[in-house]
Amino acid sequence: MRKVTIGIIGAGRIGRLHANNIINFSDVRLKTISDLSNEHVTDWAKGIGIEQVVTNNEEIINDEEIDAIFVCSPSDTHANIILAAARKGKHIFCEKPISFSIKETKEVLDVVESAGVQLQVGFNRRFDRNFLRIRESIKKGVIGTPQIIKITTRDPKPPPLEYVKQSGGLFYDMSIHDFDMARFLINSEVVQVYSIGTNLIEPYIEEEGDVDTAIISIKFANGAIGVIDNSRKAVYGSDQRVEVFGEKGCLTCENERLTTVEFINNKGAYQDKLKHFFERYKDAFIAEARSFIDSVQTGDPVVCNGNDGLQAGLIASAAQQSHLEGCLIKINQFKE
């Protein structure tokens, strides 16, 4: 197949991660990356083989040679970039979320559909081998009908203030991955949400109107229920676990450690530290980018599409409203 020419908008941590991955794909030409300030980008970009660095996103969007764009810019810029790219006929890979607004997300998806381009949302955990194994086991009926899902996501340290200001809040920035994973594993839409959040870690998070600790209870259309717990700070590292309980048994996915070595003596047993988020999901990030490129080349549907982004966004918005109002929110009655 012909090479796919790629542009990346945003040269922060996630933009560089994707660039470092896709530059190694033999059927990809990584032509351009954009960032508001290219001073800290140019040497790195040239070093890995990116052809040019620009400061204006329009140069990528209007470049007729570029087939697809990776949107890795701050979350509050995603919707406008997707709209502009779709109208230029570009295929789009976008980090979550599409938008903080459900209305705007729907408008974006309408434009994408009319343009006939691919849109993949960056829920990378769908491509993790462990979560895939759980999904495959559920589909094979290993545990029978799923009844309860429990998901834990706790970050090793809270994000800096500037990030919090543009993140959209814990439910849209952090919990949204868990909302997508819950839908992905249970294979049913969420119909009810009840959440409770609090501030126990950093005062600046509360000052921005956000929470740093939360529990979200959800109910699915098929009757299954779930509990998600989130924290911005786990002193022992990046903590991400899943359990799915069913009529015939239970499937669990534990954390991964730097090594499997265990030291035991007369004082106790000691294990290595947990892998950091980006290290744990290194292969998953590569797999999601590979899957997107394959869909661009073949025209096959992407694994995680715009509707998946919309549904996760709906749950995030409902969780936020539930937290603020202290009540259960039914998704079909949710209003922004």
C-alpha atoms as a PDB file:
ATOM      1  CA  MET A   1       0.000   0.000   0.000  1.00  0.00           C
ATOM      2  CA  ARG A   2       1.050   3.590  -0.562  1.00  0.00           C
ATOM      3  CA  LYS A   3       2.617   5.579   2.220  1.00  0.00           C
ATOM      4  CA  VAL A   4       0.311   7.675   4.379  1.00  0.00           C
ATOM      5  CA  THR A   5       1.580  11.211   4.910  1.00  0.00           C
ATOM      6  CA  ILE A   6       0.993  12.442   8.448  1.00  0.00           C
ATOM      7  CA  GLY A   7       0.980  15.792  10.225  1.00  0.00           C
ATOM      8  CA  ILE A   8       0.920  16.108  14.004  1.00  0.00           C
ATOM      9  CA  ILE A   9      -0.601  19.115  15.757  1.00  0.00           C
ATOM     10  CA  GLY A  10       0.910  19.523  19.204  1.00  0.00           C
ATOM     11  CA  ALA A  11       4.463  18.628  20.219  1.00  0.00           C
ATOM     12  CA  GLY A  12       3.915  18.102  23.924  1.00  0.00           C
ATOM     13  CA  ARG A  13       4.367  14.775  25.686  1.00  0.00           C
ATOM     14  CA  ILE A  14       1.628  12.884  23.822  1.00  0.00           C
ATOM     15  CA  GLY A  15       2.471  14.437  20.451  1.00  0.00           C
ATOM     16  CA  ARG A  16       6.104  13.410  20.791  1.00  0.00           C
ATOM     17  CA  LEU A  17       5.089   9.933  21.915  1.00  0.00           C
ATOM     18  CA  HIS A  18       3.027   9.392  18.772  1.00  0.00           C
ATOM     19  CA  ALA A  19       5.756  10.887  16.590  1.00  0.00           C
ATOM     20  CA  ASN A  20       8.411   8.618  18.069  1.00  0.00           C
ATOM     21  CA  ASN A  21       6.148   5.633  17.374  1.00  0.00           C
ATOM     22  CA  ILE A  22       4.869   6.305  13.866  1.00  0.00           C
ATOM     23  CA  ILE A  23       8.221   7.492  12.518  1.00  0.00           C
ATOM     24  CA  ASN A  24       9.162   3.792  12.636  1.00  0.00           C
ATOM     25  CA  PHE A  25       6.247   2.683  10.428  1.00  0.00           C
ATOM     26  CA  SER A  26       7.646   1.889   6.980  1.00  0.00           C
ATOM     27  CA  ASP A  27       4.394   2.893   5.284  1.00  0.00           C
ATOM     28  CA  VAL A  28       4.180   6.324   6.937  1.00  0.00           C
ATOM     29  CA  ARG A  29       5.781   9.626   6.011  1.00  0.00           C
ATOM     30  CA  LEU A  30       5.783  11.960   8.994  1.00  0.00           C
ATOM     31  CA  LYS A  31       6.047  15.255   7.182  1.00  0.00           C
ATOM     32  CA  THR A  32       5.202  18.001   9.669  1.00  0.00           C
ATOM     33  CA  ILE A  33       4.661  18.701  13.342  1.00  0.00           C
ATOM     34  CA  SER A  34       3.312  21.985  14.695  1.00  0.00           C
ATOM     35  CA  ASP A  35       3.700  23.679  18.042  1.00  0.00           C
ATOM     36  CA  LEU A  36       3.130  27.248  19.174  1.00  0.00           C
ATOM     37  CA  SER A  37       6.794  27.473  20.085  1.00  0.00           C
ATOM     38  CA  ASN A  38       9.211  25.514  17.931  1.00  0.00           C
ATOM     39  CA  GLU A  39      12.330  26.437  19.900  1.00  0.00           C
ATOM     40  CA  HIS A  40      12.147  23.294  22.031  1.00  0.00           C
ATOM     41  CA  VAL A  41      10.924  21.111  19.158  1.00  0.00           C
ATOM     42  CA  THR A  42      13.189  21.628  16.152  1.00  0.00           C
ATOM     43  CA  ASP A  43      16.271  19.697  17.257  1.00  0.00           C
ATOM     44  CA  TRP A  44      14.234  16.754  18.512  1.00  0.00           C
ATOM     45  CA  ALA A  45      12.080  16.671  15.351  1.00  0.00           C
ATOM     46  CA  LYS A  46      15.055  16.737  13.012  1.00  0.00           C
ATOM     47  CA  GLY A  47      16.760  14.106  15.131  1.00  0.00           C
ATOM     48  CA  ILE A  48      14.004  11.537  14.587  1.00  0.00           C
ATOM     49  CA  GLY A  49      13.407  12.410  10.933  1.00  0.00           C
ATOM     50  CA  ILE A  50      10.399  14.749  10.848  1.00  0.00           C
ATOM     51  CA  GLU A  51      10.736  16.874   7.739  1.00  0.00           C
ATOM     52  CA  GLN A  52       9.544  20.213   9.078  1.00  0.00           C
ATOM     53  CA  VAL A  53       8.379  22.048  12.178  1.00  0.00           C
ATOM     54  CA  VAL A  54       5.814  24.856  11.973  1.00  0.00           C
ATOM     55  CA  THR A  55       4.065  27.104  14.465  1.00  0.00           C
ATOM     56  CA  ASN A  56       0.786  27.486  12.568  1.00  0.00           C
ATOM     57  CA  ASN A  57      -1.663  24.562  12.530  1.00  0.00           C
ATOM     58  CA  GLU A  58      -3.119  25.840   9.263  1.00  0.00           C
ATOM     59  CA  GLU A  59       0.052  24.854   7.433  1.00  0.00           C
ATOM     60  CA  ILE A  60      -0.690  21.220   8.247  1.00  0.00           C
ATOM     61  CA  ILE A  61      -4.439  21.424   7.675  1.00  0.00           C
ATOM     62  CA  ASN A  62      -4.012  23.112   4.276  1.00  0.00           C
ATOM     63  CA  ASP A  63      -1.139  20.908   3.081  1.00  0.00           C
ATOM     64  CA  GLU A  64      -2.498  18.855   0.166  1.00  0.00           C
ATOM     65  CA  GLU A  65       0.197  16.207   0.634  1.00  0.00           C
ATOM     66  CA  ILE A  66      -0.943  15.369   4.162  1.00  0.00           C
ATOM     67  CA  ASP A  67      -3.501  12.553   4.312  1.00  0.00           C
ATOM     68  CA  ALA A  68      -4.125  12.385   8.043  1.00  0.00           C
ATOM     69  CA  ILE A  69      -3.613  14.480  11.151  1.00  0.00           C
ATOM     70  CA  PHE A  70      -2.877  13.499  14.732  1.00  0.00           C
ATOM     71  CA  VAL A  71      -4.505  16.036  17.068  1.00  0.00           C
ATOM     72  CA  CYS A  72      -2.356  16.186  20.213  1.00  0.00           C
ATOM     73  CA  SER A  73      -2.953  19.785  21.220  1.00  0.00           C
ATOM     74  CA  PRO A  74      -4.657  20.987  24.439  1.00  0.00           C
ATOM     75  CA  SER A  75      -8.124  19.502  24.900  1.00  0.00           C
ATOM     76  CA  ASP A  76     -10.008  22.760  24.426  1.00  0.00           C
ATOM     77  CA  THR A  77      -8.631  23.070  20.861  1.00  0.00           C
ATOM     78  CA  HIS A  78      -9.663  19.632  19.602  1.00  0.00           C
ATOM     79  CA  ALA A  79     -13.103  20.397  18.194  1.00  0.00           C
ATOM     80  CA  ASN A  80     -12.034  23.332  16.008  1.00  0.00           C
ATOM     81  CA  ILE A  81      -9.047  21.420  14.648  1.00  0.00           C
ATOM     82  CA  ILE A  82     -11.179  18.380  13.804  1.00  0.00           C
ATOM     83  CA  LEU A  83     -13.707  20.581  12.029  1.00  0.00           C
ATOM     84  CA  ALA A  84     -11.038  22.323   9.957  1.00  0.00           C
ATOM     85  CA  ALA A  85      -9.242  19.074   9.119  1.00  0.00           C
ATOM     86  CA  ALA A  86     -12.412  17.219   8.136  1.00  0.00           C
ATOM     87  CA  ARG A  87     -13.475  20.040   5.831  1.00  0.00           C
ATOM     88  CA  LYS A  88     -10.119  19.681   4.082  1.00  0.00           C
ATOM     89  CA  GLY A  89     -10.665  15.951   3.661  1.00  0.00           C
ATOM     90  CA  LYS A  90      -8.077  14.851   6.218  1.00  0.00           C
ATOM     91  CA  HIS A  91      -8.426  11.679   8.250  1.00  0.00           C
ATOM     92  CA  ILE A  92      -8.133  12.428  11.956  1.00  0.00           C
ATOM     93  CA  PHE A  93      -6.724  10.765  15.024  1.00  0.00           C
ATOM     94  CA  CYS A  94      -7.671  12.834  18.070  1.00  0.00           C
ATOM     95  CA  GLU A  95      -6.689  12.453  21.678  1.00  0.00           C
ATOM     96  CA  LYS A  96      -9.636  12.549  24.070  1.00  0.00           C
ATOM     97  CA  PRO A  97     -11.926  14.365  24.430  1.00  0.00           C
ATOM     98  CA  ILE A  98     -13.462  15.567  21.179  1.00  0.00           C
ATOM     99  CA  SER A  99     -14.988  18.483  23.095  1.00  0.00           C
ATOM    100  CA  PHE A 100     -16.128  19.387  26.587  1.00  0.00           C
ATOM    101  CA  SER A 101     -19.567  20.121  25.093  1.00  0.00           C
ATOM    102  CA  ILE A 102     -21.934  17.351  24.008  1.00  0.00           C
ATOM    103  CA  LYS A 103     -23.646  19.696  21.562  1.00  0.00           C
ATOM    104  CA  GLU A 104     -20.335  20.633  19.975  1.00  0.00           C
ATOM    105  CA  THR A 105     -19.242  16.988  19.859  1.00  0.00           C
ATOM    106  CA  LYS A 106     -22.384  16.085  17.903  1.00  0.00           C
ATOM    107  CA  GLU A 107     -21.775  18.976  15.510  1.00  0.00           C
ATOM    108  CA  VAL A 108     -18.209  17.772  14.966  1.00  0.00           C
ATOM    109  CA  LEU A 109     -19.373  14.222  14.244  1.00  0.00           C
ATOM    110  CA  ASP A 110     -21.909  15.499  11.714  1.00  0.00           C
ATOM    111  CA  VAL A 111     -19.166  17.345   9.823  1.00  0.00           C
ATOM    112  CA  VAL A 112     -16.857  14.311   9.952  1.00  0.00           C
ATOM    113  CA  GLU A 113     -19.604  12.074   8.576  1.00  0.00           C
ATOM    114  CA  SER A 114     -20.429  14.524   5.788  1.00  0.00           C
ATOM    115  CA  ALA A 115     -16.745  14.766   4.860  1.00  0.00           C
ATOM    116  CA  GLY A 116     -16.436  10.985   4.666  1.00  0.00           C
ATOM    117  CA  VAL A 117     -13.180  10.875   6.624  1.00  0.00           C
ATOM    118  CA  GLN A 118     -11.967   8.577   9.378  1.00  0.00           C
ATOM    119  CA  LEU A 119     -12.011   9.812  12.992  1.00  0.00           C
ATOM    120  CA  GLN A 120     -10.351   7.730  15.693  1.00  0.00           C
ATOM    121  CA  VAL A 121     -10.422   8.819  19.336  1.00  0.00           C
ATOM    122  CA  GLY A 122      -7.326   8.062  21.416  1.00  0.00           C
ATOM    123  CA  PHE A 123      -8.604   5.651  24.038  1.00  0.00           C
ATOM    124  CA  ASN A 124      -5.352   3.719  24.013  1.00  0.00           C
ATOM    125  CA  ARG A 125      -6.271   1.228  26.730  1.00  0.00           C
ATOM    126  CA  ARG A 126      -8.520  -0.608  24.262  1.00  0.00           C
ATOM    127  CA  PHE A 127      -5.301  -1.824  22.664  1.00  0.00           C
ATOM    128  CA  ASP A 128      -3.674  -3.103  25.863  1.00  0.00           C
ATOM    129  CA  ARG A 129      -3.183  -6.877  25.650  1.00  0.00           C
ATOM    130  CA  ASN A 130      -4.550  -7.478  29.148  1.00  0.00           C
ATOM    131  CA  PHE A 131      -7.786  -5.557  28.665  1.00  0.00           C
ATOM    132  CA  LEU A 132      -8.201  -7.157  25.243  1.00  0.00           C
ATOM    133  CA  ARG A 133      -7.883 -10.578  26.864  1.00  0.00           C
ATOM    134  CA  ILE A 134     -10.640  -9.680  29.331  1.00  0.00           C
ATOM    135  CA  ARG A 135     -12.891  -8.474  26.511  1.00  0.00           C
ATOM    136  CA  GLU A 136     -12.259 -11.620  24.456  1.00  0.00           C
ATOM    137  CA  SER A 137     -12.929 -13.832  27.484  1.00  0.00           C
ATOM    138  CA  ILE A 138     -16.227 -12.063  28.168  1.00  0.00           C
ATOM    139  CA  LYS A 139     -17.286 -12.456  24.526  1.00  0.00           C
ATOM    140  CA  LYS A 140     -16.491 -16.186  24.715  1.00  0.00           C
ATOM    141  CA  GLY A 141     -18.767 -16.511  27.743  1.00  0.00           C
ATOM    142  CA  VAL A 142     -16.004 -17.485  30.170  1.00  0.00           C
ATOM    143  CA  ILE A 143     -17.724 -15.706  33.082  1.00  0.00           C
ATOM    144  CA  GLY A 144     -21.241 -15.928  31.713  1.00  0.00           C
ATOM    145  CA  THR A 145     -23.292 -12.763  31.906  1.00  0.00           C
ATOM    146  CA  PRO A 146     -21.228  -9.858  33.338  1.00  0.00           C
ATOM    147  CA  GLN A 147     -22.820  -8.466  36.484  1.00  0.00           C
ATOM    148  CA  ILE A 148     -20.317  -6.089  38.099  1.00  0.00           C
ATOM    149  CA  ILE A 149     -17.313  -4.182  36.782  1.00  0.00           C
ATOM    150  CA  LYS A 150     -14.816  -2.402  39.015  1.00  0.00           C
ATOM    151  CA  ILE A 151     -12.189  -0.061  37.599  1.00  0.00           C
ATOM    152  CA  THR A 152      -9.444   1.706  39.530  1.00  0.00           C
ATOM    153  CA  THR A 153      -7.363   4.528  38.076  1.00  0.00           C
ATOM    154  CA  ARG A 154      -5.020   6.482  40.331  1.00  0.00           C
ATOM    155  CA  ASP A 155      -2.237   8.668  39.011  1.00  0.00           C
ATOM    156  CA  PRO A 156       1.188   8.808  40.676  1.00  0.00           C
ATOM    157  CA  LYS A 157       1.049  12.583  41.093  1.00  0.00           C
ATOM    158  CA  PRO A 158      -1.421  15.384  40.377  1.00  0.00           C
ATOM    159  CA  PRO A 159      -1.049  17.434  37.192  1.00  0.00           C
ATOM    160  CA  PRO A 160       0.359  20.964  37.371  1.00  0.00           C
ATOM    161  CA  LEU A 161      -1.961  23.945  37.733  1.00  0.00           C
ATOM    162  CA  GLU A 162      -1.672  25.018  34.090  1.00  0.00           C
ATOM    163  CA  TYR A 163      -2.770  21.568  32.964  1.00  0.00           C
ATOM    164  CA  VAL A 164      -5.705  21.510  35.359  1.00  0.00           C
ATOM    165  CA  LYS A 165      -6.925  24.841  33.978  1.00  0.00           C
ATOM    166  CA  GLN A 166      -7.390  23.429  30.465  1.00  0.00           C
ATOM    167  CA  SER A 167      -8.110  19.774  31.305  1.00  0.00           C
ATOM    168  CA  GLY A 168     -11.882  19.978  31.573  1.00  0.00           C
ATOM    169  CA  GLY A 169     -11.767  18.503  35.070  1.00  0.00           C
ATOM    170  CA  LEU A 170     -11.168  15.036  36.471  1.00  0.00           C
ATOM    171  CA  PHE A 171     -14.237  13.443  34.876  1.00  0.00           C
ATOM    172  CA  TYR A 172     -13.344  14.631  31.350  1.00  0.00           C
ATOM    173  CA  ASP A 173      -9.589  14.288  31.704  1.00  0.00           C
ATOM    174  CA  MET A 174      -9.072  11.144  33.756  1.00  0.00           C
ATOM    175  CA  SER A 175     -12.299   9.233  34.372  1.00  0.00           C
ATOM    176  CA  ILE A 176     -13.204   9.385  30.679  1.00  0.00           C
ATOM    177  CA  HIS A 177     -10.708   6.587  29.955  1.00  0.00           C
ATOM    178  CA  ASP A 178     -12.495   4.423  32.505  1.00  0.00           C
ATOM    179  CA  PHE A 179     -15.911   5.265  31.067  1.00  0.00           C
ATOM    180  CA  ASP A 180     -14.732   4.081  27.663  1.00  0.00           C
ATOM    181  CA  MET A 181     -13.166   0.942  29.134  1.00  0.00           C
ATOM    182  CA  ALA A 182     -16.388   0.105  30.977  1.00  0.00           C
ATOM    183  CA  ARG A 183     -18.384   0.349  27.721  1.00  0.00           C
ATOM    184  CA  PHE A 184     -15.693  -1.579  25.854  1.00  0.00           C
ATOM    185  CA  LEU A 185     -15.678  -4.520  28.274  1.00  0.00           C
ATOM    186  CA  ILE A 186     -19.373  -4.753  29.172  1.00  0.00           C
ATOM    187  CA  ASN A 187     -20.459  -4.064  25.568  1.00  0.00           C
ATOM    188  CA  SER A 188     -23.486  -2.082  26.680  1.00  0.00           C
ATOM    189  CA  GLU A 189     -24.296   1.598  26.980  1.00  0.00           C
ATOM    190  CA  VAL A 190     -24.320   3.368  30.328  1.00  0.00           C
ATOM    191  CA  VAL A 191     -27.820   4.570  31.241  1.00  0.00           C
ATOM    192  CA  GLN A 192     -27.368   5.910  34.792  1.00  0.00           C
ATOM    193  CA  VAL A 193     -24.547   7.726  36.574  1.00  0.00           C
ATOM    194  CA  TYR A 194     -24.041   8.737  40.189  1.00  0.00           C
ATOM    195  CA  SER A 195     -20.785  10.333  41.273  1.00  0.00           C
ATOM    196  CA  ILE A 196     -19.291  11.879  44.349  1.00  0.00           C
ATOM    197  CA  GLY A 197     -16.061  13.851  44.353  1.00  0.00           C
ATOM    198  CA  THR A 198     -13.922  15.543  46.942  1.00  0.00           C
ATOM    199  CA  ASN A 199     -10.635  17.401  47.389  1.00  0.00           C
ATOM    200  CA  LEU A 200      -8.020  15.679  49.520  1.00  0.00           C
ATOM    201  CA  ILE A 201      -4.754  16.302  47.685  1.00  0.00           C
ATOM    202  CA  GLU A 202      -3.974  19.754  46.271  1.00  0.00           C
ATOM    203  CA  PRO A 203      -5.759  23.042  47.147  1.00  0.00           C
ATOM    204  CA  TYR A 204      -5.130  24.506  43.675  1.00  0.00           C
ATOM    205  CA  ILE A 205      -7.295  21.792  42.122  1.00  0.00           C
ATOM    206  CA  GLU A 206     -10.231  22.808  44.299  1.00  0.00           C
ATOM    207  CA  GLU A 207      -9.543  26.469  43.565  1.00  0.00           C
ATOM    208  CA  GLU A 208     -10.059  25.679  39.866  1.00  0.00           C
ATOM    209  CA  GLY A 209     -13.450  24.136  40.641  1.00  0.00           C
ATOM    210  CA  ASP A 210     -12.254  20.583  40.121  1.00  0.00           C
ATOM    211  CA  VAL A 211     -11.987  17.485  42.341  1.00  0.00           C
ATOM    212  CA  ASP A 212      -8.976  15.236  42.853  1.00  0.00           C
ATOM    213  CA  THR A 213     -10.706  12.141  44.250  1.00  0.00           C
ATOM    214  CA  ALA A 214     -13.941  10.548  43.039  1.00  0.00           C
ATOM    215  CA  ILE A 215     -16.125   7.476  42.969  1.00  0.00           C
ATOM    216  CA  ILE A 216     -18.559   6.962  40.090  1.00  0.00           C
ATOM    217  CA  SER A 217     -21.328   4.367  40.103  1.00  0.00           C
ATOM    218  CA  ILE A 218     -22.805   3.397  36.750  1.00  0.00           C
ATOM    219  CA  LYS A 219     -25.600   1.188  35.432  1.00  0.00           C
ATOM    220  CA  PHE A 220     -25.677  -0.309  31.941  1.00  0.00           C
ATOM    221  CA  ALA A 221     -28.589  -0.920  29.604  1.00  0.00           C
ATOM    222  CA  ASN A 222     -28.097  -4.689  30.010  1.00  0.00           C
ATOM    223  CA  GLY A 223     -28.525  -4.424  33.782  1.00  0.00           C
ATOM    224  CA  ALA A 224     -24.878  -4.729  34.802  1.00  0.00           C
ATOM    225  CA  ILE A 225     -23.513  -2.213  37.294  1.00  0.00           C
ATOM    226  CA  GLY A 226     -20.078  -0.728  37.856  1.00  0.00           C
ATOM    227  CA  VAL A 227     -17.909   1.243  40.248  1.00  0.00           C
ATOM    228  CA  ILE A 228     -14.998   3.445  39.201  1.00  0.00           C
ATOM    229  CA  ASP A 229     -12.603   5.013  41.690  1.00  0.00           C
ATOM    230  CA  ASN A 230     -10.161   7.752  40.747  1.00  0.00           C
ATOM    231  CA  SER A 231      -7.421   9.633  42.545  1.00  0.00           C
ATOM    232  CA  ARG A 232      -4.931  12.201  41.301  1.00  0.00           C
ATOM    233  CA  LYS A 233      -2.229  10.908  43.653  1.00  0.00           C
ATOM    234  CA  ALA A 234      -1.194   7.378  44.564  1.00  0.00           C
ATOM    235  CA  VAL A 235       2.174   7.570  46.325  1.00  0.00           C
ATOM    236  CA  TYR A 236       3.093   4.049  45.172  1.00  0.00           C
ATOM    237  CA  GLY A 237       2.761   4.777  41.431  1.00  0.00           C
ATOM    238  CA  SER A 238       0.354   4.505  38.523  1.00  0.00           C
ATOM    239  CA  ASP A 239      -2.453   2.245  39.746  1.00  0.00           C
ATOM    240  CA  GLN A 240      -4.826   0.872  37.092  1.00  0.00           C
ATOM    241  CA  ARG A 241      -6.813  -2.296  37.675  1.00  0.00           C
ATOM    242  CA  VAL A 242      -9.962  -3.900  36.325  1.00  0.00           C
ATOM    243  CA  GLU A 243     -12.274  -6.599  37.638  1.00  0.00           C
ATOM    244  CA  VAL A 244     -15.307  -8.031  35.845  1.00  0.00           C
ATOM    245  CA  PHE A 245     -17.533 -10.355  37.879  1.00  0.00           C
ATOM    246  CA  GLY A 246     -20.086 -12.629  36.249  1.00  0.00           C
ATOM    247  CA  GLU A 247     -22.374 -15.557  36.927  1.00  0.00           C
ATOM    248  CA  LYS A 248     -19.633 -18.125  36.170  1.00  0.00           C
ATOM    249  CA  GLY A 249     -16.556 -16.427  37.548  1.00  0.00           C
ATOM    250  CA  CYS A 250     -14.413 -13.321  37.696  1.00  0.00           C
ATOM    251  CA  LEU A 251     -11.761 -11.779  35.431  1.00  0.00           C
ATOM    252  CA  THR A 252      -9.129  -9.438  36.881  1.00  0.00           C
ATOM    253  CA  CYS A 253      -6.270  -7.381  35.490  1.00  0.00           C
ATOM    254  CA  GLU A 254      -3.623  -6.250  37.948  1.00  0.00           C
ATOM    255  CA  ASN A 255      -0.889  -3.622  37.703  1.00  0.00           C
ATOM    256  CA  GLU A 256       2.370  -4.305  35.887  1.00  0.00           C
ATOM    257  CA  ARG A 257       5.714  -3.862  37.644  1.00  0.00           C
ATOM    258  CA  LEU A 258       9.138  -2.911  36.344  1.00  0.00           C
ATOM    259  CA  THR A 259      10.249  -6.503  36.963  1.00  0.00           C
ATOM    260  CA  THR A 260       8.650  -9.658  38.332  1.00  0.00           C
ATOM    261  CA  VAL A 261      11.456 -10.117  40.859  1.00  0.00           C
ATOM    262  CA  GLU A 262      10.383 -10.503  44.474  1.00  0.00           C
ATOM    263  CA  PHE A 263      12.811 -10.218  47.402  1.00  0.00           C
ATOM    264  CA  ILE A 264      11.883 -12.107  50.561  1.00  0.00           C
ATOM    265  CA  ASN A 265      13.710 -12.073  53.897  1.00  0.00           C
ATOM    266  CA  ASN A 266      12.917 -12.319  57.608  1.00  0.00           C
ATOM    267  CA  LYS A 267      11.423  -8.809  57.557  1.00  0.00           C
ATOM    268  CA  GLY A 268       8.967  -9.331  54.725  1.00  0.00           C
ATOM    269  CA  ALA A 269       8.523  -9.511  50.954  1.00  0.00           C
ATOM    270  CA  TYR A 270       9.425  -6.741  48.524  1.00  0.00           C
ATOM    271  CA  GLN A 271       8.448  -6.192  44.899  1.00  0.00           C
ATOM    272  CA  ASP A 272       9.551  -3.703  42.269  1.00  0.00           C
ATOM    273  CA  LYS A 273       7.725  -0.433  41.622  1.00  0.00           C
ATOM    274  CA  LEU A 274       4.694  -0.159  39.356  1.00  0.00           C
ATOM    275  CA  LYS A 275       5.252   0.824  35.750  1.00  0.00           C
ATOM    276  CA  HIS A 276       4.429   4.420  34.859  1.00  0.00           C
ATOM    277  CA  PHE A 277       1.334   4.926  32.684  1.00  0.00           C
ATOM    278  CA  PHE A 278       3.287   5.636  29.495  1.00  0.00           C
ATOM    279  CA  GLU A 279       5.653   2.741  30.065  1.00  0.00           C
ATOM    280  CA  ARG A 280       2.869   0.291  30.844  1.00  0.00           C
ATOM    281  CA  TYR A 281       0.941   1.203  27.699  1.00  0.00           C
ATOM    282  CA  LYS A 282       3.914   1.574  25.357  1.00  0.00           C
ATOM    283  CA  ASP A 283       2.754  -1.271  23.105  1.00  0.00           C
ATOM    284  CA  ALA A 284      -0.867  -0.110  23.275  1.00  0.00           C
ATOM    285  CA  PHE A 285       0.081   3.348  21.984  1.00  0.00           C
ATOM    286  CA  ILE A 286       1.921   1.769  19.061  1.00  0.00           C
ATOM    287  CA  ALA A 287      -1.002  -0.562  18.340  1.00  0.00           C
ATOM    288  CA  GLU A 288      -3.611   2.214  18.312  1.00  0.00           C
ATOM    289  CA  ALA A 289      -1.551   4.303  15.869  1.00  0.00           C
ATOM    290  CA  ARG A 290      -0.969   1.243  13.694  1.00  0.00           C
ATOM    291  CA  SER A 291      -4.682   0.469  13.708  1.00  0.00           C
ATOM    292  CA  PHE A 292      -5.521   4.033  12.632  1.00  0.00           C
ATOM    293  CA  ILE A 293      -3.023   3.947   9.751  1.00  0.00           C
ATOM    294  CA  ASP A 294      -4.453   0.610   8.623  1.00  0.00           C
ATOM    295  CA  SER A 295      -7.968   2.073   8.564  1.00  0.00           C
ATOM    296  CA  VAL A 296      -6.772   5.070   6.540  1.00  0.00           C
ATOM    297  CA  GLN A 297      -5.183   2.729   4.007  1.00  0.00           C
ATOM    298  CA  THR A 298      -7.976   0.168   3.743  1.00  0.00           C
ATOM    299  CA  GLY A 299     -11.078   2.215   4.502  1.00  0.00           C
ATOM    300  CA  ASP A 300     -12.053  -0.246   7.239  1.00  0.00           C
ATOM    301  CA  PRO A 301     -13.812   1.253  10.291  1.00  0.00           C
ATOM    302  CA  VAL A 302     -11.567   2.506  13.085  1.00  0.00           C
ATOM    303  CA  VAL A 303     -11.598   0.571  16.354  1.00  0.00           C
ATOM    304  CA  CYS A 304     -12.554   3.588  18.473  1.00  0.00           C
ATOM    305  CA  ASN A 305     -14.746   6.008  16.528  1.00  0.00           C
ATOM    306  CA  GLY A 306     -16.411   9.349  17.084  1.00  0.00           C
ATOM    307  CA  ASN A 307     -19.475   7.802  18.695  1.00  0.00           C
ATOM    308  CA  ASP A 308     -17.229   6.149  21.265  1.00  0.00           C
ATOM    309  CA  GLY A 309     -15.875   9.604  22.051  1.00  0.00           C
ATOM    310  CA  LEU A 310     -19.409  10.970  22.276  1.00  0.00           C
ATOM    311  CA  GLN A 311     -20.639   8.243  24.631  1.00  0.00           C
ATOM    312  CA  ALA A 312     -17.657   8.616  26.967  1.00  0.00           C
ATOM    313  CA  GLY A 313     -18.204  12.372  26.914  1.00  0.00           C
ATOM    314  CA  LEU A 314     -21.867  11.926  27.812  1.00  0.00           C
ATOM    315  CA  ILE A 315     -20.911   9.849  30.844  1.00  0.00           C
ATOM    316  CA  ALA A 316     -18.278  12.421  31.852  1.00  0.00           C
ATOM    317  CA  SER A 317     -20.784  15.267  31.614  1.00  0.00           C
ATOM    318  CA  ALA A 318     -23.361  13.288  33.555  1.00  0.00           C
ATOM    319  CA  ALA A 319     -20.777  12.467  36.240  1.00  0.00           C
ATOM    320  CA  GLN A 320     -19.904  16.124  36.573  1.00  0.00           C
ATOM    321  CA  GLN A 321     -23.556  17.101  36.891  1.00  0.00           C
ATOM    322  CA  SER A 322     -24.211  14.310  39.394  1.00  0.00           C
ATOM    323  CA  HIS A 323     -21.300  15.488  41.535  1.00  0.00           C
ATOM    324  CA  LEU A 324     -22.462  19.101  41.472  1.00  0.00           C
ATOM    325  CA  GLU A 325     -26.133  18.350  42.126  1.00  0.00           C
ATOM    326  CA  GLY A 326     -25.705  15.314  44.381  1.00  0.00           C
ATOM    327  CA  CYS A 327     -28.163  13.172  42.487  1.00  0.00           C
ATOM    328  CA  LEU A 328     -28.406  10.259  40.072  1.00  0.00           C
ATOM    329  CA  ILE A 329     -28.370  11.267  36.402  1.00  0.00           C
ATOM    330  CA  LYS A 330     -30.159   9.289  33.674  1.00  0.00           C
ATOM    331  CA  ILE A 331     -28.272   9.584  30.427  1.00  0.00           C
ATOM    332  CA  ASN A 332     -31.405   9.750  28.275  1.00  0.00           C
ATOM    333  CA  GLN A 333     -32.610  12.736  30.314  1.00  0.00           C
ATOM    334  CA  PHE A 334     -29.253  14.510  30.509  1.00  0.00           C
ATOM    335  CA  LYS A 335     -29.211  18.130  29.393  1.00  0.00           C
ATOM    336  CA  GLU A 336     -26.185  20.426  29.233  1.00  0.00           C
END
